[in-house]
Amino acid sequence: MRLFAALTPSARAVEHLTAFLEPRQDAGPDLSWTDPDQWHVTLAFMAAVPERAVEEVERAVAEVAATHPPVELRLVGCGAFPQAAEARVLWTGVRGALDPLARRVRDACSHAGGAPQGGRFHAHLTLARFRRPTEATRWVRILDGYAGPTWTTSEISLISSHLGEGRRGRPRHEVVGTARLTG
């Protein structure tokens, strides 16, 4: 099963970012914009969790959440993966102390059999994807001045991603569990 542990922005944060992006989206026919109802900040991505390990991964995420306090976050700026000169993904950054939480969630998922993908954690929310590698410096400049409202996240969601089952052939996301940050 394709799973990820993630934080969801507040309704106010989603509304603010949506209003900021809306007049700019028509200028990007080369971009496939993500749906605001699927916006999230991934802490751990697991491409292929065996069915037998799903409950254990959910339990591991809940144990981390129970010992970690809520986190104050803010969406700010813009960037591109892998880089602006050959962008595939356009994102907004997430300001807040997420590195320790992401590290603990990744470790817990790994021990539970989830095998999260490695690499350096980079807190972000995906805004759009390019159909092919694209020079995106102008997009980064246009969106880099964004600063959204602060919100406090108090829950980690464990989400199953079903490729090609969503609108316009995109992934369909299904929340399979939530865990409150209460530590």
C-alpha atoms as a PDB file:
ATOM      1  CA  MET A   1       0.000   0.000   0.000  1.00  0.00           C
ATOM      2  CA  ARG A   2       1.262   3.487  -0.862  1.00  0.00           C
ATOM      3  CA  LEU A   3       1.152   5.543   2.375  1.00  0.00           C
ATOM      4  CA  PHE A   4       2.362   8.820   3.764  1.00  0.00           C
ATOM      5  CA  ALA A   5       2.280  10.417   7.184  1.00  0.00           C
ATOM      6  CA  ALA A   6       1.400  14.079   6.808  1.00  0.00           C
ATOM      7  CA  LEU A   7       0.189  17.296   8.373  1.00  0.00           C
ATOM      8  CA  THR A   8      -2.768  19.115   6.877  1.00  0.00           C
ATOM      9  CA  PRO A   9      -2.881  22.922   6.752  1.00  0.00           C
ATOM     10  CA  SER A  10      -5.723  24.680   8.523  1.00  0.00           C
ATOM     11  CA  ALA A  11      -8.793  25.782   6.560  1.00  0.00           C
ATOM     12  CA  ARG A  12      -7.643  29.396   6.976  1.00  0.00           C
ATOM     13  CA  ALA A  13      -4.196  28.577   5.564  1.00  0.00           C
ATOM     14  CA  VAL A  14      -5.772  26.735   2.607  1.00  0.00           C
ATOM     15  CA  GLU A  15      -8.166  29.621   1.876  1.00  0.00           C
ATOM     16  CA  HIS A  16      -5.343  32.181   2.041  1.00  0.00           C
ATOM     17  CA  LEU A  17      -3.052  30.214  -0.295  1.00  0.00           C
ATOM     18  CA  THR A  18      -5.928  29.456  -2.697  1.00  0.00           C
ATOM     19  CA  ALA A  19      -6.779  33.165  -2.935  1.00  0.00           C
ATOM     20  CA  PHE A  20      -3.111  33.995  -3.577  1.00  0.00           C
ATOM     21  CA  LEU A  21      -2.695  31.368  -6.315  1.00  0.00           C
ATOM     22  CA  GLU A  22      -6.031  31.762  -8.095  1.00  0.00           C
ATOM     23  CA  PRO A  23      -5.228  34.811 -10.252  1.00  0.00           C
ATOM     24  CA  ARG A  24      -1.827  33.344 -11.137  1.00  0.00           C
ATOM     25  CA  GLN A  25      -2.905  29.856 -12.174  1.00  0.00           C
ATOM     26  CA  ASP A  26      -4.225  30.836 -15.610  1.00  0.00           C
ATOM     27  CA  ALA A  27      -0.726  32.053 -16.509  1.00  0.00           C
ATOM     28  CA  GLY A  28       0.610  28.525 -16.175  1.00  0.00           C
ATOM     29  CA  PRO A  29      -0.925  26.195 -18.785  1.00  0.00           C
ATOM     30  CA  ASP A  30       2.270  24.141 -18.550  1.00  0.00           C
ATOM     31  CA  LEU A  31       1.510  23.418 -14.877  1.00  0.00           C
ATOM     32  CA  SER A  32      -0.763  20.824 -13.347  1.00  0.00           C
ATOM     33  CA  TRP A  33      -1.929  22.528 -10.136  1.00  0.00           C
ATOM     34  CA  THR A  34      -2.617  20.355  -7.105  1.00  0.00           C
ATOM     35  CA  ASP A  35      -6.090  20.332  -5.589  1.00  0.00           C
ATOM     36  CA  PRO A  36      -6.327  22.336  -2.354  1.00  0.00           C
ATOM     37  CA  ASP A  37      -8.342  19.525  -0.747  1.00  0.00           C
ATOM     38  CA  GLN A  38      -5.253  17.312  -1.103  1.00  0.00           C
ATOM     39  CA  TRP A  39      -2.668  19.782   0.206  1.00  0.00           C
ATOM     40  CA  HIS A  40      -0.470  18.318   2.910  1.00  0.00           C
ATOM     41  CA  VAL A  41       3.033  18.434   4.345  1.00  0.00           C
ATOM     42  CA  THR A  42       4.594  14.981   4.092  1.00  0.00           C
ATOM     43  CA  LEU A  43       6.615  13.808   7.088  1.00  0.00           C
ATOM     44  CA  ALA A  44       7.261  10.289   5.761  1.00  0.00           C
ATOM     45  CA  PHE A  45       6.472   8.745   2.376  1.00  0.00           C
ATOM     46  CA  MET A  46       6.246   4.970   2.031  1.00  0.00           C
ATOM     47  CA  ALA A  47       5.856   3.725  -1.540  1.00  0.00           C
ATOM     48  CA  ALA A  48       4.992   0.104  -0.779  1.00  0.00           C
ATOM     49  CA  VAL A  49       3.873  -0.809   2.742  1.00  0.00           C
ATOM     50  CA  PRO A  50       2.932  -4.491   3.051  1.00  0.00           C
ATOM     51  CA  GLU A  51      -0.708  -4.880   4.074  1.00  0.00           C
ATOM     52  CA  ARG A  52       0.385  -6.768   7.209  1.00  0.00           C
ATOM     53  CA  ALA A  53       2.436  -3.722   8.354  1.00  0.00           C
ATOM     54  CA  VAL A  54      -0.214  -0.997   7.929  1.00  0.00           C
ATOM     55  CA  GLU A  55      -1.646  -1.334  11.456  1.00  0.00           C
ATOM     56  CA  GLU A  56       1.843  -1.352  12.947  1.00  0.00           C
ATOM     57  CA  VAL A  57       2.784   1.807  11.005  1.00  0.00           C
ATOM     58  CA  GLU A  58      -0.409   3.486  12.213  1.00  0.00           C
ATOM     59  CA  ARG A  59       0.382   2.492  15.805  1.00  0.00           C
ATOM     60  CA  ALA A  60       3.977   3.761  15.463  1.00  0.00           C
ATOM     61  CA  VAL A  61       2.812   7.157  14.167  1.00  0.00           C
ATOM     62  CA  ALA A  62       0.315   7.394  17.047  1.00  0.00           C
ATOM     63  CA  GLU A  63       3.071   6.675  19.589  1.00  0.00           C
ATOM     64  CA  VAL A  64       5.224   9.484  18.181  1.00  0.00           C
ATOM     65  CA  ALA A  65       2.269  11.879  18.139  1.00  0.00           C
ATOM     66  CA  ALA A  66       1.404  11.082  21.753  1.00  0.00           C
ATOM     67  CA  THR A  67       4.841  12.310  22.854  1.00  0.00           C
ATOM     68  CA  HIS A  68       5.160  15.360  20.586  1.00  0.00           C
ATOM     69  CA  PRO A  69       3.477  18.730  21.188  1.00  0.00           C
ATOM     70  CA  PRO A  70       1.429  20.560  18.543  1.00  0.00           C
ATOM     71  CA  VAL A  71       3.564  22.609  16.142  1.00  0.00           C
ATOM     72  CA  GLU A  72       3.059  26.172  14.922  1.00  0.00           C
ATOM     73  CA  LEU A  73       3.503  26.367  11.137  1.00  0.00           C
ATOM     74  CA  ARG A  74       3.346  28.886   8.315  1.00  0.00           C
ATOM     75  CA  LEU A  75       3.459  28.496   4.527  1.00  0.00           C
ATOM     76  CA  VAL A  76       6.063  30.839   3.039  1.00  0.00           C
ATOM     77  CA  GLY A  77       7.996  31.428  -0.166  1.00  0.00           C
ATOM     78  CA  CYS A  78       8.413  29.216  -3.173  1.00  0.00           C
ATOM     79  CA  GLY A  79      10.898  26.840  -4.708  1.00  0.00           C
ATOM     80  CA  ALA A  80      11.221  24.032  -7.209  1.00  0.00           C
ATOM     81  CA  PHE A  81      12.400  20.427  -7.232  1.00  0.00           C
ATOM     82  CA  PRO A  82      14.928  19.332  -8.241  1.00  0.00           C
ATOM     83  CA  GLN A  83      15.956  22.918  -9.078  1.00  0.00           C
ATOM     84  CA  ALA A  84      14.430  25.975 -10.781  1.00  0.00           C
ATOM     85  CA  ALA A  85      16.415  25.436 -13.998  1.00  0.00           C
ATOM     86  CA  GLU A  86      14.885  21.967 -14.551  1.00  0.00           C
ATOM     87  CA  ALA A  87      11.803  22.008 -12.365  1.00  0.00           C
ATOM     88  CA  ARG A  88       9.350  19.152 -12.121  1.00  0.00           C
ATOM     89  CA  VAL A  89       7.612  20.377  -8.946  1.00  0.00           C
ATOM     90  CA  LEU A  90       6.699  23.865  -7.711  1.00  0.00           C
ATOM     91  CA  TRP A  91       6.263  24.164  -3.936  1.00  0.00           C
ATOM     92  CA  THR A  92       5.740  26.568  -1.060  1.00  0.00           C
ATOM     93  CA  GLY A  93       7.897  26.174   2.019  1.00  0.00           C
ATOM     94  CA  VAL A  94       6.747  25.418   5.539  1.00  0.00           C
ATOM     95  CA  ARG A  95       8.231  27.414   8.399  1.00  0.00           C
ATOM     96  CA  GLY A  96       8.166  25.719  11.796  1.00  0.00           C
ATOM     97  CA  ALA A  97      10.096  23.187  13.843  1.00  0.00           C
ATOM     98  CA  LEU A  98       9.269  20.080  11.792  1.00  0.00           C
ATOM     99  CA  ASP A  99      12.661  18.393  11.409  1.00  0.00           C
ATOM    100  CA  PRO A 100      12.572  16.580  14.788  1.00  0.00           C
ATOM    101  CA  LEU A 101       8.985  15.408  14.238  1.00  0.00           C
ATOM    102  CA  ALA A 102       9.712  14.198  10.703  1.00  0.00           C
ATOM    103  CA  ARG A 103      12.818  12.338  11.885  1.00  0.00           C
ATOM    104  CA  ARG A 104      10.880  10.598  14.665  1.00  0.00           C
ATOM    105  CA  VAL A 105       7.970   9.688  12.360  1.00  0.00           C
ATOM    106  CA  ARG A 106      10.337   8.308   9.705  1.00  0.00           C
ATOM    107  CA  ASP A 107      12.221   6.251  12.296  1.00  0.00           C
ATOM    108  CA  ALA A 108       8.994   4.896  13.794  1.00  0.00           C
ATOM    109  CA  CYS A 109       7.590   3.989  10.367  1.00  0.00           C
ATOM    110  CA  SER A 110      10.842   2.277   9.445  1.00  0.00           C
ATOM    111  CA  HIS A 111      10.816   0.145  12.605  1.00  0.00           C
ATOM    112  CA  ALA A 112       7.162  -0.730  11.963  1.00  0.00           C
ATOM    113  CA  GLY A 113       7.893  -2.073   8.480  1.00  0.00           C
ATOM    114  CA  GLY A 114       6.859   0.978   6.459  1.00  0.00           C
ATOM    115  CA  ALA A 115      10.268   1.578   4.791  1.00  0.00           C
ATOM    116  CA  PRO A 116       9.961   5.360   4.316  1.00  0.00           C
ATOM    117  CA  GLN A 117      11.957   6.856   1.488  1.00  0.00           C
ATOM    118  CA  GLY A 118      15.205   8.443   2.601  1.00  0.00           C
ATOM    119  CA  GLY A 119      16.763  11.725   1.661  1.00  0.00           C
ATOM    120  CA  ARG A 120      16.974  14.984   3.513  1.00  0.00           C
ATOM    121  CA  PHE A 121      13.650  16.219   4.864  1.00  0.00           C
ATOM    122  CA  HIS A 122      12.509  19.433   3.219  1.00  0.00           C
ATOM    123  CA  ALA A 123       9.251  20.778   4.662  1.00  0.00           C
ATOM    124  CA  HIS A 124       7.073  21.875   1.753  1.00  0.00           C
ATOM    125  CA  LEU A 125       3.603  21.757   0.264  1.00  0.00           C
ATOM    126  CA  THR A 126       3.419  20.832  -3.438  1.00  0.00           C
ATOM    127  CA  LEU A 127       1.618  23.497  -5.468  1.00  0.00           C
ATOM    128  CA  ALA A 128       1.984  22.175  -9.009  1.00  0.00           C
ATOM    129  CA  ARG A 129       3.827  19.775 -11.269  1.00  0.00           C
ATOM    130  CA  PHE A 130       5.348  20.424 -14.667  1.00  0.00           C
ATOM    131  CA  ARG A 131       4.654  17.921 -17.435  1.00  0.00           C
ATOM    132  CA  ARG A 132       8.371  17.881 -18.320  1.00  0.00           C
ATOM    133  CA  PRO A 133      11.504  19.481 -16.832  1.00  0.00           C
ATOM    134  CA  THR A 134      10.980  23.244 -17.148  1.00  0.00           C
ATOM    135  CA  GLU A 135      12.909  26.434 -16.466  1.00  0.00           C
ATOM    136  CA  ALA A 136      10.793  27.756 -13.573  1.00  0.00           C
ATOM    137  CA  THR A 137      12.768  30.732 -12.290  1.00  0.00           C
ATOM    138  CA  ARG A 138       9.966  33.161 -13.189  1.00  0.00           C
ATOM    139  CA  TRP A 139       7.443  31.054 -11.249  1.00  0.00           C
ATOM    140  CA  VAL A 140       9.689  30.941  -8.211  1.00  0.00           C
ATOM    141  CA  ARG A 141      10.089  34.733  -8.368  1.00  0.00           C
ATOM    142  CA  ILE A 142       6.348  35.316  -8.801  1.00  0.00           C
ATOM    143  CA  LEU A 143       5.400  33.099  -5.855  1.00  0.00           C
ATOM    144  CA  ASP A 144       8.392  33.641  -3.580  1.00  0.00           C
ATOM    145  CA  GLY A 145       6.814  36.625  -1.800  1.00  0.00           C
ATOM    146  CA  TYR A 146       3.994  34.482  -0.430  1.00  0.00           C
ATOM    147  CA  ALA A 147       3.519  34.436   3.356  1.00  0.00           C
ATOM    148  CA  GLY A 148       0.433  32.764   4.742  1.00  0.00           C
ATOM    149  CA  PRO A 149      -1.172  32.880   8.160  1.00  0.00           C
ATOM    150  CA  THR A 150       0.266  30.923  11.064  1.00  0.00           C
ATOM    151  CA  TRP A 151      -1.622  27.876  12.296  1.00  0.00           C
ATOM    152  CA  THR A 152      -1.053  25.222  14.919  1.00  0.00           C
ATOM    153  CA  THR A 153      -1.118  21.662  13.679  1.00  0.00           C
ATOM    154  CA  SER A 154      -2.273  19.137  16.232  1.00  0.00           C
ATOM    155  CA  GLU A 155      -2.751  15.970  14.195  1.00  0.00           C
ATOM    156  CA  ILE A 156      -0.764  13.630  11.966  1.00  0.00           C
ATOM    157  CA  SER A 157      -2.731  11.871   9.251  1.00  0.00           C
ATOM    158  CA  LEU A 158      -1.780   8.545   7.741  1.00  0.00           C
ATOM    159  CA  ILE A 159      -2.953   8.727   4.145  1.00  0.00           C
ATOM    160  CA  SER A 160      -3.238   6.063   1.483  1.00  0.00           C
ATOM    161  CA  SER A 161      -2.523   7.264  -2.046  1.00  0.00           C
ATOM    162  CA  HIS A 162      -4.315   5.481  -4.893  1.00  0.00           C
ATOM    163  CA  LEU A 163      -2.551   6.419  -8.123  1.00  0.00           C
ATOM    164  CA  GLY A 164      -4.733   7.376 -11.085  1.00  0.00           C
ATOM    165  CA  GLU A 165      -8.017   7.087  -9.166  1.00  0.00           C
ATOM    166  CA  GLY A 166      -8.604  10.787  -8.492  1.00  0.00           C
ATOM    167  CA  ARG A 167      -9.932  13.635 -10.602  1.00  0.00           C
ATOM    168  CA  ARG A 168      -8.248  14.023 -13.990  1.00  0.00           C
ATOM    169  CA  GLY A 169      -6.224  10.842 -13.404  1.00  0.00           C
ATOM    170  CA  ARG A 170      -4.499  12.183 -10.307  1.00  0.00           C
ATOM    171  CA  PRO A 171      -4.025  10.208  -7.097  1.00  0.00           C
ATOM    172  CA  ARG A 172      -6.977   9.754  -4.781  1.00  0.00           C
ATOM    173  CA  HIS A 173      -6.087  10.245  -1.125  1.00  0.00           C
ATOM    174  CA  GLU A 174      -7.812   8.351   1.656  1.00  0.00           C
ATOM    175  CA  VAL A 175      -7.138   9.024   5.338  1.00  0.00           C
ATOM    176  CA  VAL A 176      -6.640   5.637   6.997  1.00  0.00           C
ATOM    177  CA  GLY A 177      -5.819   6.986  10.450  1.00  0.00           C
ATOM    178  CA  THR A 178      -5.103  10.102  12.500  1.00  0.00           C
ATOM    179  CA  ALA A 179      -3.057  10.694  15.608  1.00  0.00           C
ATOM    180  CA  ARG A 180      -3.236  13.740  17.903  1.00  0.00           C
ATOM    181  CA  LEU A 181      -0.056  15.587  18.826  1.00  0.00           C
ATOM    182  CA  THR A 182      -0.457  15.692  22.596  1.00  0.00           C
ATOM    183  CA  GLY A 183       3.053  15.404  24.093  1.00  0.00           C
END
